[in-house]
Amino acid sequence: GVVVRDVAAMVGRRGRVVGVDPSLSILSVARTLCGRLKGGPRITLRLAEGARLPFAAGRFDAALAITVILHVADPLKVASEMARVVKRGGRVGLQDQDFGVVAVTHPDRELTDRIMRGVAARVYAEPYSGRRLPGLLLAAGLEHIRLLTDVYQDTTLEPFTKTFLERRAENAVKFGLVDAPTAQRWLDGLTALVARGAFVLTMNYYGAVGVKP
């Protein structure tokens, strides 16, 4: 919903934006967000899978998937479908994180790796999706592929970072990777680093775009 709303502000009054998601609950939230727009382009939200888009070939000028690929077991199917529905000369854009390159300072490196990598492997279908984006676009038949890498950096345990790490700890317990006292000890170790001014977390975000020949 956020992506559709933001894209809608870019296409002009005559533009049209179509959003797709396989979840009815996500679509409900998206309708609420998009319903607040006034006098903008026409917005359509559809219940559909990214690997089976219900649109004719060559219908769109551009197709975007923002933090989608990491949730997809067969991301090439999604990239290929996106390429199918755009016009010749149209663009396909993918943006995602890569949870194989999250750096977190902690005195217990082994425990940190067990939690961070173990949870990512169980939560995401493709946790290393970011590094794959250019290759997916290439395999989908796109040309003139470009990549932009942005780094999220935090040294003070901002609210986003704090929530992210707390959820990792909760999921580590849920998946049986660690017990609850160990998860709390891990979080306490992070808090101690923040107090000393020695905390660092970085996370890479990758954006790739290609052109349909």
C-alpha atoms as a PDB file:
ATOM      1  CA  GLY A   1       0.000   0.000   0.000  1.00  0.00           C
ATOM      2  CA  VAL A   2       2.817   2.426   0.833  1.00  0.00           C
ATOM      3  CA  VAL A   3       4.563   1.656  -2.477  1.00  0.00           C
ATOM      4  CA  VAL A   4       1.363   2.077  -4.503  1.00  0.00           C
ATOM      5  CA  ARG A   5       0.565   5.334  -2.723  1.00  0.00           C
ATOM      6  CA  ASP A   6       4.031   6.743  -3.337  1.00  0.00           C
ATOM      7  CA  VAL A   7       4.129   5.643  -6.986  1.00  0.00           C
ATOM      8  CA  ALA A   8       0.687   7.160  -7.526  1.00  0.00           C
ATOM      9  CA  ALA A   9       2.112  10.557  -6.635  1.00  0.00           C
ATOM     10  CA  MET A  10       4.638  10.224  -9.487  1.00  0.00           C
ATOM     11  CA  VAL A  11       2.513   9.227 -12.480  1.00  0.00           C
ATOM     12  CA  GLY A  12       0.345  12.316 -12.896  1.00  0.00           C
ATOM     13  CA  ARG A  13      -3.423  12.706 -13.004  1.00  0.00           C
ATOM     14  CA  ARG A  14      -3.782  10.609 -16.159  1.00  0.00           C
ATOM     15  CA  GLY A  15      -1.605   7.807 -14.876  1.00  0.00           C
ATOM     16  CA  ARG A  16      -2.811   4.503 -13.500  1.00  0.00           C
ATOM     17  CA  VAL A  17      -1.255   2.360 -10.809  1.00  0.00           C
ATOM     18  CA  VAL A  18      -2.076  -1.296 -10.165  1.00  0.00           C
ATOM     19  CA  GLY A  19      -0.999  -3.009  -6.953  1.00  0.00           C
ATOM     20  CA  VAL A  20      -0.914  -6.780  -6.474  1.00  0.00           C
ATOM     21  CA  ASP A  21      -0.657  -8.869  -3.312  1.00  0.00           C
ATOM     22  CA  PRO A  22      -1.660 -12.455  -2.418  1.00  0.00           C
ATOM     23  CA  SER A  23      -2.883 -11.402   1.053  1.00  0.00           C
ATOM     24  CA  LEU A  24      -6.396 -10.079   1.638  1.00  0.00           C
ATOM     25  CA  SER A  25      -5.308  -8.443   4.903  1.00  0.00           C
ATOM     26  CA  ILE A  26      -2.469  -6.579   3.183  1.00  0.00           C
ATOM     27  CA  LEU A  27      -4.851  -5.429   0.447  1.00  0.00           C
ATOM     28  CA  SER A  28      -7.271  -4.169   3.097  1.00  0.00           C
ATOM     29  CA  VAL A  29      -4.549  -2.001   4.638  1.00  0.00           C
ATOM     30  CA  ALA A  30      -3.481  -0.842   1.177  1.00  0.00           C
ATOM     31  CA  ARG A  31      -7.024   0.266   0.347  1.00  0.00           C
ATOM     32  CA  THR A  32      -7.112   2.327   3.518  1.00  0.00           C
ATOM     33  CA  LEU A  33      -3.797   4.015   2.686  1.00  0.00           C
ATOM     34  CA  CYS A  34      -4.691   4.662  -0.940  1.00  0.00           C
ATOM     35  CA  GLY A  35      -8.196   5.820  -0.075  1.00  0.00           C
ATOM     36  CA  ARG A  36      -6.707   8.920   1.526  1.00  0.00           C
ATOM     37  CA  LEU A  37      -5.432  10.185  -1.837  1.00  0.00           C
ATOM     38  CA  LYS A  38      -7.589  12.859  -3.422  1.00  0.00           C
ATOM     39  CA  GLY A  39      -7.653  13.939  -7.038  1.00  0.00           C
ATOM     40  CA  GLY A  40      -4.830  11.581  -7.978  1.00  0.00           C
ATOM     41  CA  PRO A  41      -4.472   8.838 -10.545  1.00  0.00           C
ATOM     42  CA  ARG A  42      -6.703   5.840 -10.713  1.00  0.00           C
ATOM     43  CA  ILE A  43      -5.505   3.070  -8.391  1.00  0.00           C
ATOM     44  CA  THR A  44      -6.486  -0.588  -8.692  1.00  0.00           C
ATOM     45  CA  LEU A  45      -5.603  -3.254  -6.133  1.00  0.00           C
ATOM     46  CA  ARG A  46      -5.766  -6.924  -7.117  1.00  0.00           C
ATOM     47  CA  LEU A  47      -5.530 -10.210  -5.251  1.00  0.00           C
ATOM     48  CA  ALA A  48      -2.916 -12.183  -7.182  1.00  0.00           C
ATOM     49  CA  GLU A  49       0.396 -14.026  -6.983  1.00  0.00           C
ATOM     50  CA  GLY A  50       3.501 -12.345  -8.353  1.00  0.00           C
ATOM     51  CA  ALA A  51       4.386 -15.515 -10.235  1.00  0.00           C
ATOM     52  CA  ARG A  52       0.985 -15.499 -12.022  1.00  0.00           C
ATOM     53  CA  LEU A  53       0.065 -11.920 -12.803  1.00  0.00           C
ATOM     54  CA  PRO A  54      -3.495 -11.587 -14.200  1.00  0.00           C
ATOM     55  CA  PHE A  55      -2.530  -9.106 -16.925  1.00  0.00           C
ATOM     56  CA  ALA A  56      -1.918  -9.228 -20.657  1.00  0.00           C
ATOM     57  CA  ALA A  57       1.625  -9.022 -21.993  1.00  0.00           C
ATOM     58  CA  GLY A  58       2.990  -5.529 -22.598  1.00  0.00           C
ATOM     59  CA  ARG A  59       0.326  -3.731 -20.585  1.00  0.00           C
ATOM     60  CA  PHE A  60       2.465  -1.557 -18.296  1.00  0.00           C
ATOM     61  CA  ASP A  61       5.204   1.037 -18.659  1.00  0.00           C
ATOM     62  CA  ALA A  62       6.961  -0.208 -15.535  1.00  0.00           C
ATOM     63  CA  ALA A  63       6.715  -2.914 -12.893  1.00  0.00           C
ATOM     64  CA  LEU A  64       8.127  -2.708  -9.361  1.00  0.00           C
ATOM     65  CA  ALA A  65       8.632  -5.249  -6.585  1.00  0.00           C
ATOM     66  CA  ILE A  66       9.741  -3.634  -3.323  1.00  0.00           C
ATOM     67  CA  THR A  67      10.931  -6.032  -0.576  1.00  0.00           C
ATOM     68  CA  VAL A  68       9.091  -8.863  -2.313  1.00  0.00           C
ATOM     69  CA  ILE A  69      11.750 -11.207  -3.675  1.00  0.00           C
ATOM     70  CA  LEU A  70      13.037 -12.239  -0.235  1.00  0.00           C
ATOM     71  CA  HIS A  71       9.582 -13.746   0.456  1.00  0.00           C
ATOM     72  CA  VAL A  72       9.461 -15.741  -2.806  1.00  0.00           C
ATOM     73  CA  ALA A  73      10.674 -19.327  -3.167  1.00  0.00           C
ATOM     74  CA  ASP A  74      11.131 -19.013  -6.958  1.00  0.00           C
ATOM     75  CA  PRO A  75      12.015 -15.345  -7.575  1.00  0.00           C
ATOM     76  CA  LEU A  76      12.803 -15.855 -11.276  1.00  0.00           C
ATOM     77  CA  LYS A  77       9.133 -16.617 -11.918  1.00  0.00           C
ATOM     78  CA  VAL A  78       8.192 -13.263 -10.414  1.00  0.00           C
ATOM     79  CA  ALA A  79      10.870 -11.356 -12.340  1.00  0.00           C
ATOM     80  CA  SER A  80       9.833 -13.103 -15.578  1.00  0.00           C
ATOM     81  CA  GLU A  81       6.177 -12.251 -15.028  1.00  0.00           C
ATOM     82  CA  MET A  82       7.073  -8.639 -14.366  1.00  0.00           C
ATOM     83  CA  ALA A  83       9.072  -8.571 -17.598  1.00  0.00           C
ATOM     84  CA  ARG A  84       6.165 -10.139 -19.494  1.00  0.00           C
ATOM     85  CA  VAL A  85       3.624  -7.499 -18.492  1.00  0.00           C
ATOM     86  CA  VAL A  86       5.755  -4.432 -19.337  1.00  0.00           C
ATOM     87  CA  LYS A  87       5.998  -2.902 -22.794  1.00  0.00           C
ATOM     88  CA  ARG A  88       9.088  -2.960 -24.973  1.00  0.00           C
ATOM     89  CA  GLY A  89      11.323  -0.258 -23.579  1.00  0.00           C
ATOM     90  CA  GLY A  90       9.545  -0.545 -20.231  1.00  0.00           C
ATOM     91  CA  ARG A  91      11.390  -0.974 -16.964  1.00  0.00           C
ATOM     92  CA  VAL A  92      11.348  -3.604 -14.269  1.00  0.00           C
ATOM     93  CA  GLY A  93      12.638  -2.598 -10.835  1.00  0.00           C
ATOM     94  CA  LEU A  94      13.443  -4.809  -7.849  1.00  0.00           C
ATOM     95  CA  GLN A  95      14.454  -3.621  -4.388  1.00  0.00           C
ATOM     96  CA  ASP A  96      15.333  -5.814  -1.453  1.00  0.00           C
ATOM     97  CA  GLN A  97      17.445  -6.360   1.608  1.00  0.00           C
ATOM     98  CA  ASP A  98      20.100  -9.052   1.903  1.00  0.00           C
ATOM     99  CA  PHE A  99      20.189 -10.663   5.318  1.00  0.00           C
ATOM    100  CA  GLY A 100      23.512 -12.312   4.588  1.00  0.00           C
ATOM    101  CA  VAL A 101      25.229  -8.952   4.984  1.00  0.00           C
ATOM    102  CA  VAL A 102      23.793  -7.625   8.234  1.00  0.00           C
ATOM    103  CA  ALA A 103      26.667  -6.622  10.536  1.00  0.00           C
ATOM    104  CA  VAL A 104      25.983  -6.419  14.272  1.00  0.00           C
ATOM    105  CA  THR A 105      28.573  -5.869  16.985  1.00  0.00           C
ATOM    106  CA  HIS A 106      28.267  -8.247  19.925  1.00  0.00           C
ATOM    107  CA  PRO A 107      30.778  -9.905  22.265  1.00  0.00           C
ATOM    108  CA  ASP A 108      29.339 -13.343  21.408  1.00  0.00           C
ATOM    109  CA  ARG A 109      29.801 -13.698  17.665  1.00  0.00           C
ATOM    110  CA  GLU A 110      28.747 -17.345  17.492  1.00  0.00           C
ATOM    111  CA  LEU A 111      25.464 -16.626  19.251  1.00  0.00           C
ATOM    112  CA  THR A 112      24.862 -13.588  17.073  1.00  0.00           C
ATOM    113  CA  ASP A 113      25.384 -15.621  13.898  1.00  0.00           C
ATOM    114  CA  ARG A 114      23.098 -18.380  15.208  1.00  0.00           C
ATOM    115  CA  ILE A 115      20.312 -15.910  15.885  1.00  0.00           C
ATOM    116  CA  MET A 116      20.676 -13.628  12.875  1.00  0.00           C
ATOM    117  CA  ARG A 117      21.286 -16.247  10.192  1.00  0.00           C
ATOM    118  CA  GLY A 118      19.086 -18.900  11.772  1.00  0.00           C
ATOM    119  CA  VAL A 119      16.049 -16.667  12.034  1.00  0.00           C
ATOM    120  CA  ALA A 120      16.516 -15.234   8.535  1.00  0.00           C
ATOM    121  CA  ALA A 121      16.679 -18.744   7.071  1.00  0.00           C
ATOM    122  CA  ARG A 122      13.342 -19.607   8.690  1.00  0.00           C
ATOM    123  CA  VAL A 123      11.469 -16.355   8.083  1.00  0.00           C
ATOM    124  CA  TYR A 124      12.371 -15.637   4.452  1.00  0.00           C
ATOM    125  CA  ALA A 125      12.138 -17.879   1.416  1.00  0.00           C
ATOM    126  CA  GLU A 126      15.228 -16.184  -0.066  1.00  0.00           C
ATOM    127  CA  PRO A 127      17.075 -14.282   2.681  1.00  0.00           C
ATOM    128  CA  TYR A 128      20.014 -13.461   0.364  1.00  0.00           C
ATOM    129  CA  SER A 129      17.788 -11.926  -2.298  1.00  0.00           C
ATOM    130  CA  GLY A 130      19.518  -8.542  -2.545  1.00  0.00           C
ATOM    131  CA  ARG A 131      22.664  -9.834  -4.203  1.00  0.00           C
ATOM    132  CA  ARG A 132      20.593 -11.803  -6.723  1.00  0.00           C
ATOM    133  CA  LEU A 133      18.571  -8.931  -8.184  1.00  0.00           C
ATOM    134  CA  PRO A 134      20.758  -8.062 -11.217  1.00  0.00           C
ATOM    135  CA  GLY A 135      21.051 -11.738 -12.121  1.00  0.00           C
ATOM    136  CA  LEU A 136      17.296 -12.211 -11.893  1.00  0.00           C
ATOM    137  CA  LEU A 137      16.655  -9.301 -14.233  1.00  0.00           C
ATOM    138  CA  LEU A 138      19.242 -10.649 -16.659  1.00  0.00           C
ATOM    139  CA  ALA A 139      17.705 -14.139 -16.569  1.00  0.00           C
ATOM    140  CA  ALA A 140      14.266 -12.586 -17.183  1.00  0.00           C
ATOM    141  CA  GLY A 141      15.559 -11.170 -20.476  1.00  0.00           C
ATOM    142  CA  LEU A 142      16.097  -7.551 -19.476  1.00  0.00           C
ATOM    143  CA  GLU A 143      18.932  -5.328 -20.649  1.00  0.00           C
ATOM    144  CA  HIS A 144      20.853  -2.228 -19.488  1.00  0.00           C
ATOM    145  CA  ILE A 145      20.697  -3.435 -15.897  1.00  0.00           C
ATOM    146  CA  ARG A 146      21.798  -1.032 -13.166  1.00  0.00           C
ATOM    147  CA  LEU A 147      22.353  -1.629  -9.469  1.00  0.00           C
ATOM    148  CA  LEU A 148      22.284   0.791  -6.540  1.00  0.00           C
ATOM    149  CA  THR A 149      23.318  -0.283  -3.033  1.00  0.00           C
ATOM    150  CA  ASP A 150      22.292   1.716   0.019  1.00  0.00           C
ATOM    151  CA  VAL A 151      23.570   1.034   3.526  1.00  0.00           C
ATOM    152  CA  TYR A 152      21.433   1.497   6.632  1.00  0.00           C
ATOM    153  CA  GLN A 153      23.736   2.405   9.517  1.00  0.00           C
ATOM    154  CA  ASP A 154      22.945   2.763  13.212  1.00  0.00           C
ATOM    155  CA  THR A 155      25.267   3.354  16.165  1.00  0.00           C
ATOM    156  CA  THR A 156      22.707   4.398  18.810  1.00  0.00           C
ATOM    157  CA  LEU A 157      20.026   1.665  18.654  1.00  0.00           C
ATOM    158  CA  GLU A 158      17.325   3.659  16.903  1.00  0.00           C
ATOM    159  CA  PRO A 159      13.699   2.458  17.348  1.00  0.00           C
ATOM    160  CA  PHE A 160      13.726   0.592  14.000  1.00  0.00           C
ATOM    161  CA  THR A 161      16.927  -1.218  14.934  1.00  0.00           C
ATOM    162  CA  LYS A 162      15.735  -1.998  18.457  1.00  0.00           C
ATOM    163  CA  THR A 163      12.487  -3.513  17.169  1.00  0.00           C
ATOM    164  CA  PHE A 164      14.338  -5.438  14.457  1.00  0.00           C
ATOM    165  CA  LEU A 165      16.734  -7.026  16.958  1.00  0.00           C
ATOM    166  CA  GLU A 166      14.036  -7.733  19.552  1.00  0.00           C
ATOM    167  CA  ARG A 167      11.998  -9.553  16.928  1.00  0.00           C
ATOM    168  CA  ARG A 168      15.062 -11.547  15.937  1.00  0.00           C
ATOM    169  CA  ALA A 169      15.489 -12.596  19.570  1.00  0.00           C
ATOM    170  CA  GLU A 170      11.792 -13.499  19.913  1.00  0.00           C
ATOM    171  CA  ASN A 171      11.877 -15.580  16.732  1.00  0.00           C
ATOM    172  CA  ALA A 172      15.090 -17.305  17.798  1.00  0.00           C
ATOM    173  CA  VAL A 173      13.222 -18.572  20.866  1.00  0.00           C
ATOM    174  CA  LYS A 174      10.144 -19.431  18.802  1.00  0.00           C
ATOM    175  CA  PHE A 175      12.201 -21.508  16.350  1.00  0.00           C
ATOM    176  CA  GLY A 176      14.149 -23.245  19.099  1.00  0.00           C
ATOM    177  CA  LEU A 177      17.499 -21.725  18.184  1.00  0.00           C
ATOM    178  CA  VAL A 178      18.070 -20.465  21.730  1.00  0.00           C
ATOM    179  CA  ASP A 179      16.184 -20.462  25.019  1.00  0.00           C
ATOM    180  CA  ALA A 180      14.584 -17.330  26.449  1.00  0.00           C
ATOM    181  CA  PRO A 181      17.382 -16.527  28.967  1.00  0.00           C
ATOM    182  CA  THR A 182      19.992 -16.784  26.208  1.00  0.00           C
ATOM    183  CA  ALA A 183      17.961 -14.484  23.953  1.00  0.00           C
ATOM    184  CA  GLN A 184      17.713 -11.938  26.761  1.00  0.00           C
ATOM    185  CA  ARG A 185      21.442 -12.209  27.433  1.00  0.00           C
ATOM    186  CA  TRP A 186      22.040 -11.476  23.772  1.00  0.00           C
ATOM    187  CA  LEU A 187      19.836  -8.370  23.900  1.00  0.00           C
ATOM    188  CA  ASP A 188      21.517  -7.229  27.113  1.00  0.00           C
ATOM    189  CA  GLY A 189      24.888  -7.510  25.386  1.00  0.00           C
ATOM    190  CA  LEU A 190      23.683  -5.135  22.677  1.00  0.00           C
ATOM    191  CA  THR A 191      22.381  -2.664  25.254  1.00  0.00           C
ATOM    192  CA  ALA A 192      25.743  -2.702  27.032  1.00  0.00           C
ATOM    193  CA  LEU A 193      27.497  -1.846  23.777  1.00  0.00           C
ATOM    194  CA  VAL A 194      25.147   1.076  23.205  1.00  0.00           C
ATOM    195  CA  ALA A 195      25.925   2.404  26.691  1.00  0.00           C
ATOM    196  CA  ARG A 196      29.654   2.288  25.895  1.00  0.00           C
ATOM    197  CA  GLY A 197      29.191   3.941  22.491  1.00  0.00           C
ATOM    198  CA  ALA A 198      30.500   0.825  20.737  1.00  0.00           C
ATOM    199  CA  PHE A 199      27.320  -0.412  19.018  1.00  0.00           C
ATOM    200  CA  VAL A 200      27.191  -0.775  15.224  1.00  0.00           C
ATOM    201  CA  LEU A 201      24.546  -2.261  12.938  1.00  0.00           C
ATOM    202  CA  THR A 202      24.641  -2.009   9.173  1.00  0.00           C
ATOM    203  CA  MET A 203      22.248  -3.518   6.650  1.00  0.00           C
ATOM    204  CA  ASN A 204      22.436  -3.397   2.852  1.00  0.00           C
ATOM    205  CA  TYR A 205      19.513  -2.530   0.584  1.00  0.00           C
ATOM    206  CA  TYR A 206      19.829  -3.276  -3.133  1.00  0.00           C
ATOM    207  CA  GLY A 207      17.876  -1.750  -5.984  1.00  0.00           C
ATOM    208  CA  ALA A 208      18.164  -3.063  -9.539  1.00  0.00           C
ATOM    209  CA  VAL A 209      16.428  -1.948 -12.722  1.00  0.00           C
ATOM    210  CA  GLY A 210      16.413  -3.325 -16.248  1.00  0.00           C
ATOM    211  CA  VAL A 211      14.874  -2.433 -19.611  1.00  0.00           C
ATOM    212  CA  LYS A 212      12.739  -4.788 -21.725  1.00  0.00           C
ATOM    213  CA  PRO A 213      14.185  -5.082 -25.232  1.00  0.00           C
END
